[in-house]
Protein backbone atom coordinates (compact mmCIF):
# COMPACT_ATOMS: atom_id res chain seq x y z
CA UNK A 1 37.87 165.27 68.91
CA UNK A 2 37.47 163.97 72.26
CA UNK A 3 34.02 162.30 72.77
CA UNK A 4 33.19 161.94 76.53
CA UNK A 5 31.12 158.98 77.88
CA UNK A 6 27.42 159.88 78.15
CA UNK A 7 27.82 160.00 82.12
CA UNK A 8 31.28 162.29 82.19
CA UNK A 9 30.52 164.52 85.10
CA UNK A 10 31.29 168.09 84.96
CA UNK A 11 34.40 167.72 86.80
CA UNK A 12 35.98 164.89 84.34
CA UNK A 13 34.91 167.51 81.61
CA UNK A 14 37.06 170.41 83.27
CA UNK A 15 40.11 168.41 83.70
CA UNK A 16 40.18 167.47 80.35
CA UNK A 17 40.02 170.78 79.41
CA UNK A 18 42.64 172.00 81.75
CA UNK A 19 45.08 169.18 80.43
CA UNK A 20 44.23 170.70 77.09
CA UNK A 21 45.14 173.98 78.30
CA UNK A 22 48.26 173.13 79.93
CA UNK A 23 49.55 171.57 76.88
CA UNK A 24 49.01 175.27 75.43
CA UNK A 25 46.18 174.02 72.96
CA UNK A 26 42.74 175.40 72.70
CA UNK A 27 39.40 173.48 74.05
CA UNK A 28 36.39 173.97 72.34
CA UNK A 29 32.90 172.32 73.81
CA UNK A 30 30.11 170.92 72.06
CA UNK A 31 27.38 169.78 74.21
CA UNK A 32 24.61 167.50 73.10
CA UNK A 33 21.89 166.00 74.75
CA UNK A 34 23.48 162.74 75.42
CA UNK A 35 27.00 163.49 75.80
CA UNK A 36 30.21 166.25 75.19
CA UNK A 37 32.38 166.68 72.43
CA UNK A 38 35.66 168.40 73.00
CA UNK A 39 37.56 169.79 69.97
CA UNK A 40 41.07 170.03 70.51
CA UNK A 41 42.85 172.69 68.24
CA UNK A 42 46.68 173.57 68.48
CA UNK A 43 49.02 175.05 65.76
CA UNK A 44 49.70 172.19 63.48
CA UNK A 45 51.98 170.19 66.02
CA UNK A 46 51.29 166.46 66.44
CA UNK A 47 48.90 166.25 69.60
CA UNK A 48 49.63 162.81 71.62
CA UNK A 49 46.05 161.32 72.08
CA UNK A 50 47.03 158.97 74.65
CA UNK A 51 47.63 161.70 77.24
CA UNK A 52 44.12 161.90 76.89
CA UNK A 53 42.21 158.65 75.92
CA UNK A 54 42.85 157.15 79.32
CA UNK A 55 41.69 159.99 81.50
CA UNK A 56 38.33 159.25 83.56
CA UNK A 57 35.18 159.99 81.58
CA UNK A 58 36.59 160.05 77.90
CA UNK A 59 35.12 157.23 75.85
CA UNK A 60 37.04 157.55 72.67
CA UNK A 61 39.20 160.05 70.33
CA UNK A 62 38.19 160.83 67.11
CA UNK A 63 40.89 162.60 64.36
CA UNK A 64 39.01 165.29 62.45
CA UNK A 65 39.62 164.87 58.92
CA UNK A 66 38.69 168.30 57.23
CA UNK A 67 40.99 170.94 57.61
CA UNK A 68 38.17 173.25 58.97
CA UNK A 69 37.75 171.42 61.88
CA UNK A 70 35.42 173.61 64.36
CA UNK A 71 33.00 174.25 61.13
CA UNK A 72 32.57 170.81 60.36
CA UNK A 73 29.89 168.34 61.07
CA UNK A 74 32.00 165.66 62.18
CA UNK A 75 32.86 167.93 65.30
CA UNK A 76 29.25 169.19 65.54
CA UNK A 77 26.80 167.00 63.98
CA UNK A 78 23.73 168.99 65.18
CA UNK A 79 22.94 172.09 63.34
CA UNK A 80 23.97 175.49 65.14
CA UNK A 81 21.15 177.68 66.04
CA UNK A 82 21.27 181.06 67.80
CA UNK A 83 18.91 183.77 68.62
CA UNK A 84 17.79 187.04 66.20
CA UNK A 85 15.02 188.91 67.14
CA UNK A 86 12.88 186.41 68.47
CA UNK A 87 13.59 183.73 65.88
CA UNK A 88 16.35 181.02 65.61
CA UNK A 89 18.86 181.40 62.86
CA UNK A 90 19.25 178.10 61.81
CA UNK A 91 16.19 176.48 62.97
CA UNK A 92 12.92 175.59 61.28
CA UNK A 93 12.03 179.47 60.08
CA UNK A 94 13.66 181.03 57.04
CA UNK A 95 15.32 184.44 58.51
CA UNK A 96 14.61 187.37 55.82
CA UNK A 97 17.18 190.28 56.22
CA UNK A 98 16.45 193.45 54.08
CA UNK A 99 17.25 196.87 53.41
CA UNK A 100 19.35 199.21 51.37
CA UNK A 101 22.92 198.82 50.12
CA UNK A 102 23.78 202.09 51.57
CA UNK A 103 22.51 204.19 54.45
CA UNK A 104 22.30 207.58 52.20
CA UNK A 105 20.06 209.48 54.40
CA UNK A 106 17.50 209.48 57.65
CA UNK A 107 14.31 209.70 55.46
CA UNK A 108 15.64 207.07 52.83
CA UNK A 109 16.71 204.77 55.70
CA UNK A 110 13.64 205.27 58.09
CA UNK A 111 11.11 204.73 54.93
CA UNK A 112 12.62 201.52 53.73
CA UNK A 113 13.00 200.15 57.45
CA UNK A 114 9.48 200.40 57.86
CA UNK A 115 8.11 199.06 54.42
CA UNK A 116 10.82 195.85 55.01
CA UNK A 117 9.13 195.30 58.43
CA UNK A 118 5.41 195.69 57.27
CA UNK A 119 6.35 193.28 54.65
CA UNK A 120 7.66 190.70 56.99
CA UNK A 121 11.44 191.15 57.46
CA UNK A 122 13.05 190.06 60.58
CA UNK A 123 16.22 192.25 60.38
CA UNK A 124 17.22 195.37 58.66
CA UNK A 125 20.67 195.83 56.58
CA UNK A 126 22.22 198.49 55.84
CA UNK A 127 25.76 199.76 54.87
CA UNK A 128 27.46 202.65 56.75
CA UNK A 129 30.95 201.69 55.39
CA UNK A 130 31.14 200.75 51.95
CA UNK A 131 34.22 199.01 50.32
CA UNK A 132 33.90 200.20 46.39
CA UNK A 133 35.73 199.25 43.56
CA UNK A 134 36.12 202.77 42.80
CA UNK A 135 37.89 205.08 45.23
CA UNK A 136 35.45 208.17 43.55
CA UNK A 137 32.15 205.92 44.48
CA UNK A 138 30.30 206.88 47.71
CA UNK A 139 31.91 205.22 50.56
CA UNK A 140 28.89 205.56 53.14
CA UNK A 141 27.94 208.11 55.70
CA UNK A 142 30.19 206.37 58.57
CA UNK A 143 29.65 207.26 61.92
CA UNK A 144 26.44 209.10 60.88
CA UNK A 145 25.45 206.10 59.11
CA UNK A 146 25.42 203.74 62.18
CA UNK A 147 23.27 206.62 64.31
CA UNK A 148 20.76 206.53 61.66
CA UNK A 149 20.47 202.35 61.56
CA UNK A 150 20.31 203.05 65.54
CA UNK A 151 17.34 205.44 65.08
CA UNK A 152 15.64 202.96 62.90
CA UNK A 153 16.04 199.88 65.29
CA UNK A 154 14.78 202.21 67.42
CA UNK A 155 11.47 202.96 65.72
CA UNK A 156 11.03 199.47 64.18
CA UNK A 157 12.86 197.34 66.75
CA UNK A 158 14.61 195.26 63.55
CA UNK A 159 17.91 194.21 64.82
CA UNK A 160 20.96 195.55 62.67
CA UNK A 161 23.03 193.92 60.27
CA UNK A 162 25.70 195.90 58.91
CA UNK A 163 29.37 195.53 57.84
CA UNK A 164 32.37 195.99 59.56
CA UNK A 165 35.70 196.63 57.44
CA UNK A 166 38.67 196.70 59.56
CA UNK A 167 39.79 195.05 63.07
CA UNK A 168 40.07 198.47 64.58
CA UNK A 169 36.33 199.38 63.92
CA UNK A 170 34.84 196.23 65.57
CA UNK A 171 34.66 197.83 69.08
CA UNK A 172 33.04 200.84 67.41
CA UNK A 173 30.33 199.16 64.78
CA UNK A 174 29.59 196.41 67.17
CA UNK A 175 27.83 198.96 69.68
CA UNK A 176 25.04 199.72 67.04
CA UNK A 177 25.03 196.44 65.20
CA UNK A 178 23.31 193.08 65.94
CA UNK A 179 25.12 191.29 63.43
CA UNK A 180 28.70 192.20 61.94
CA UNK A 181 28.78 191.56 58.44
CA UNK A 182 32.00 190.68 56.64
CA UNK A 183 31.98 191.28 53.05
CA UNK A 184 33.06 189.64 50.29
CA UNK A 185 36.23 191.68 49.93
CA UNK A 186 37.29 191.10 53.65
CA UNK A 187 36.42 187.35 53.70
CA UNK A 188 40.08 186.57 53.75
CA UNK A 189 41.19 189.49 55.90
CA UNK A 190 42.35 186.83 58.71
CA UNK A 191 43.23 189.89 61.59
CA UNK A 192 39.39 191.14 61.06
CA UNK A 193 37.78 187.61 61.51
CA UNK A 194 39.87 187.06 64.38
CA UNK A 195 38.45 190.61 66.09
CA UNK A 196 35.12 189.59 65.17
CA UNK A 197 35.60 186.06 66.80
CA UNK A 198 36.73 187.53 69.80
CA UNK A 199 33.78 190.23 69.84
CA UNK A 200 31.58 187.54 70.79
CA UNK A 201 28.83 189.13 68.37
CA UNK A 202 26.74 187.42 65.96
CA UNK A 203 28.77 187.32 62.25
CA UNK A 204 27.37 186.94 58.71
CA UNK A 205 30.31 185.90 56.97
CA UNK A 206 29.72 186.38 52.88
CA UNK A 207 31.84 184.28 50.12
CA UNK A 208 34.56 185.76 48.53
CA UNK A 209 34.45 186.94 44.55
CA UNK A 210 36.21 183.71 43.91
CA UNK A 211 36.50 181.75 46.67
CA UNK A 212 35.90 178.31 46.97
CA UNK A 213 33.33 176.47 49.53
CA UNK A 214 36.70 175.15 51.49
CA UNK A 215 37.89 179.22 51.35
CA UNK A 216 34.73 180.13 52.81
CA UNK A 217 34.83 177.62 55.66
CA UNK A 218 38.48 178.03 56.75
CA UNK A 219 37.57 182.05 56.94
CA UNK A 220 34.59 180.74 59.33
CA UNK A 221 37.23 178.71 61.28
CA UNK A 222 38.83 181.84 62.41
CA UNK A 223 35.71 182.90 63.84
CA UNK A 224 34.77 179.92 65.50
CA UNK A 225 38.64 179.24 66.72
CA UNK A 226 38.08 182.51 68.59
CA UNK A 227 35.29 180.88 70.41
CA UNK A 228 32.49 182.74 68.72
CA UNK A 229 30.11 180.43 67.75
CA UNK A 230 27.26 182.65 66.41
CA UNK A 231 28.22 182.53 62.73
CA UNK A 232 25.91 182.79 59.32
CA UNK A 233 27.62 181.62 56.12
CA UNK A 234 26.25 183.86 53.03
CA UNK A 235 26.30 182.52 49.14
CA UNK A 236 26.44 185.89 47.13
CA UNK A 237 27.46 184.48 43.74
CA UNK A 238 30.98 184.14 42.76
CA UNK A 239 32.83 185.61 39.59
CA UNK A 240 32.69 183.70 36.67
CA UNK A 241 33.13 183.73 33.02
CA UNK A 242 29.43 184.37 32.79
CA UNK A 243 28.91 188.27 32.31
CA UNK A 244 24.58 188.37 31.81
CA UNK A 245 24.46 188.41 35.64
CA UNK A 246 26.53 190.32 38.07
CA UNK A 247 27.80 186.93 39.49
CA UNK A 248 27.00 183.40 39.34
CA UNK A 249 24.84 182.44 42.15
CA UNK A 250 26.09 178.96 43.18
CA UNK A 251 23.14 177.27 44.13
CA UNK A 252 24.74 174.03 44.93
CA UNK A 253 26.85 175.96 47.57
CA UNK A 254 23.99 175.52 50.05
CA UNK A 255 23.35 171.96 50.27
CA UNK A 256 26.84 171.25 49.76
CA UNK A 257 27.53 173.34 52.68
CA UNK A 258 25.02 172.26 54.74
CA UNK A 259 26.37 168.66 54.24
CA UNK A 260 30.12 170.12 55.63
CA UNK A 261 29.04 172.17 58.00
CA UNK A 262 26.51 172.97 61.03
CA UNK A 263 26.41 176.76 60.40
CA UNK A 264 23.24 178.32 59.30
CA UNK A 265 23.69 179.30 55.38
CA UNK A 266 21.89 182.63 54.17
CA UNK A 267 21.53 183.63 50.49
CA UNK A 268 22.00 186.89 49.12
CA UNK A 269 19.93 187.16 45.76
CA UNK A 270 20.41 190.72 45.20
CA UNK A 271 24.45 190.65 44.62
CA UNK A 272 24.80 186.94 42.97
CA UNK A 273 22.07 188.34 40.23
CA UNK A 274 22.97 192.11 39.99
CA UNK A 275 19.60 192.73 38.31
CA UNK A 276 16.58 193.51 40.53
CA UNK A 277 14.11 191.35 38.09
CA UNK A 278 16.00 188.01 39.06
CA UNK A 279 16.14 188.42 42.75
CA UNK A 280 12.65 187.00 43.51
CA UNK A 281 13.46 183.96 41.24
CA UNK A 282 16.95 183.17 42.80
CA UNK A 283 15.39 184.04 46.12
CA UNK A 284 13.02 181.08 45.55
CA UNK A 285 15.62 178.64 44.07
CA UNK A 286 17.81 179.32 47.37
CA UNK A 287 14.86 178.24 49.69
CA UNK A 288 13.97 175.22 47.63
CA UNK A 289 17.61 174.29 47.76
CA UNK A 290 17.47 174.62 51.86
CA UNK A 291 18.74 178.25 52.52
CA UNK A 292 18.26 179.13 56.18
CA UNK A 293 17.42 182.92 55.37
CA UNK A 294 17.85 185.34 52.81
CA UNK A 295 19.47 189.25 52.68
CA UNK A 296 17.94 191.35 50.10
CA UNK A 297 18.35 194.87 49.24
CA UNK A 298 15.49 197.35 49.20
CA UNK A 299 15.49 200.90 48.55
CA UNK A 300 12.52 203.32 48.59
CA UNK A 301 13.82 204.81 45.33
CA UNK A 302 16.12 202.56 43.51
CA UNK A 303 16.78 205.26 40.43
CA UNK A 304 18.21 207.52 42.84
CA UNK A 305 20.20 205.10 44.90
CA UNK A 306 23.85 205.69 45.59
CA UNK A 307 25.10 202.05 45.46
CA UNK A 308 23.53 199.29 43.80
CA UNK A 309 20.44 200.70 42.73
CA UNK A 310 19.93 198.22 39.60
CA UNK A 311 19.81 195.09 42.25
CA UNK A 312 17.33 196.89 44.54
CA UNK A 313 13.94 195.62 45.21
CA UNK A 314 11.24 198.66 45.35
CA UNK A 315 9.20 197.97 48.77
CA UNK A 316 6.29 196.75 47.05
CA UNK A 317 8.51 194.12 44.89
CA UNK A 318 10.18 193.04 48.25
CA UNK A 319 6.60 192.58 49.66
CA UNK A 320 5.70 190.21 46.72
CA UNK A 321 8.91 188.30 47.50
CA UNK A 322 8.30 187.72 50.77
CA UNK A 323 4.85 186.16 49.74
CA UNK A 324 6.45 183.57 47.18
CA UNK A 325 9.25 182.75 49.57
CA UNK A 326 6.28 181.63 52.14
CA UNK A 327 4.66 179.41 49.68
CA UNK A 328 7.99 177.76 48.85
CA UNK A 329 9.32 177.70 52.52
CA UNK A 330 6.20 175.57 53.40
CA UNK A 331 6.59 173.17 50.32
CA UNK A 332 10.16 172.44 51.81
CA UNK A 333 8.77 172.09 55.45
CA UNK A 334 9.99 175.49 57.01
CA UNK A 335 7.78 178.69 57.47
CA UNK A 336 7.99 182.40 57.55
CA UNK A 337 6.76 184.31 60.50
CA UNK A 338 3.74 186.61 59.57
CA UNK A 339 4.81 190.21 59.45
CA UNK A 340 2.38 190.73 62.67
CA UNK A 341 4.33 188.16 64.48
CA UNK A 342 7.84 189.74 63.91
CA UNK A 343 6.26 193.37 64.92
CA UNK A 344 5.21 191.57 68.31
CA UNK A 345 8.46 189.76 68.18
CA UNK A 346 10.24 192.96 68.00
CA UNK A 347 8.03 194.67 70.94
CA UNK A 348 8.76 191.32 73.27
CA UNK A 349 12.60 191.32 72.50
CA UNK A 350 13.42 195.03 72.40
CA UNK A 351 10.38 196.80 74.19
CA UNK A 352 9.81 198.79 71.35
CA UNK A 353 6.86 199.80 69.43
CA UNK A 354 6.51 200.33 65.37
CA UNK A 355 7.62 204.24 65.69
């Protein structure tokens, strides 16, 4: 990590970057209010620090001790904040992403999309491609599902969060999605992580079923190393010996991640519990622990859902969740935009109304 002097010029910074690249290394800039930090990332070979230390504009060189270099707070002590739907992910306001597990039909998606928008969601989730444990389970509508998501965005203005399952599909899915979701089963699909990094699209990276916090951060490193800084980490519960819930919600991971990394942290209380009855309580706990947002499954008719109906909230229960979250957010110095503010932001950002 090359820390530049406060008065370092653009030319001096450019000279450092050129020297780094001439050595077949990668340069990653982090520009603060007072100084620029240049992360130097290679392929594991020792880097001769002396060739940079005495160059004009260089203040000092600090080795990054963490294996996840670009994701670490050592590299970027300030929190990463990036725009989504007129809000700033990682900022003072809590971001709520909501919608069905799977896109099943036009009426199901549009009814749910309008309902979550009216309740205060800032983004719409919905799976067009679904990785399922059983090959006989509903696998999603594919391209038709993406087209329905595009229609839901056109009517509500809500940005779309949807999963991409292979590197070959990144270019297709990003035409419809505002945020590319990497599911738990693909957290260590390194070719896919590199592809979404190169896409420069915002990414929601879910923690794997049995992944450690470091495993999650090393996966994020693949995206960051391809110069895509817009990454959200998602705690969605891990597999343990306990079977009273679908997974075990690792609330500890929220403050631990925020101590280790500058990336925003999102909680998925739906997958982490597997039971709609617990979703609101765990969502409250996550916000109290410092989560920057939530991703919640909502379905207009959960009993008829083709996937994960048991953990999906009805729209009226989701509206109650938002109300409860608002109080918790205010208690910990955060806030939620009012539904009216969200709709107005959609109009400002997308030039669209409420359908």
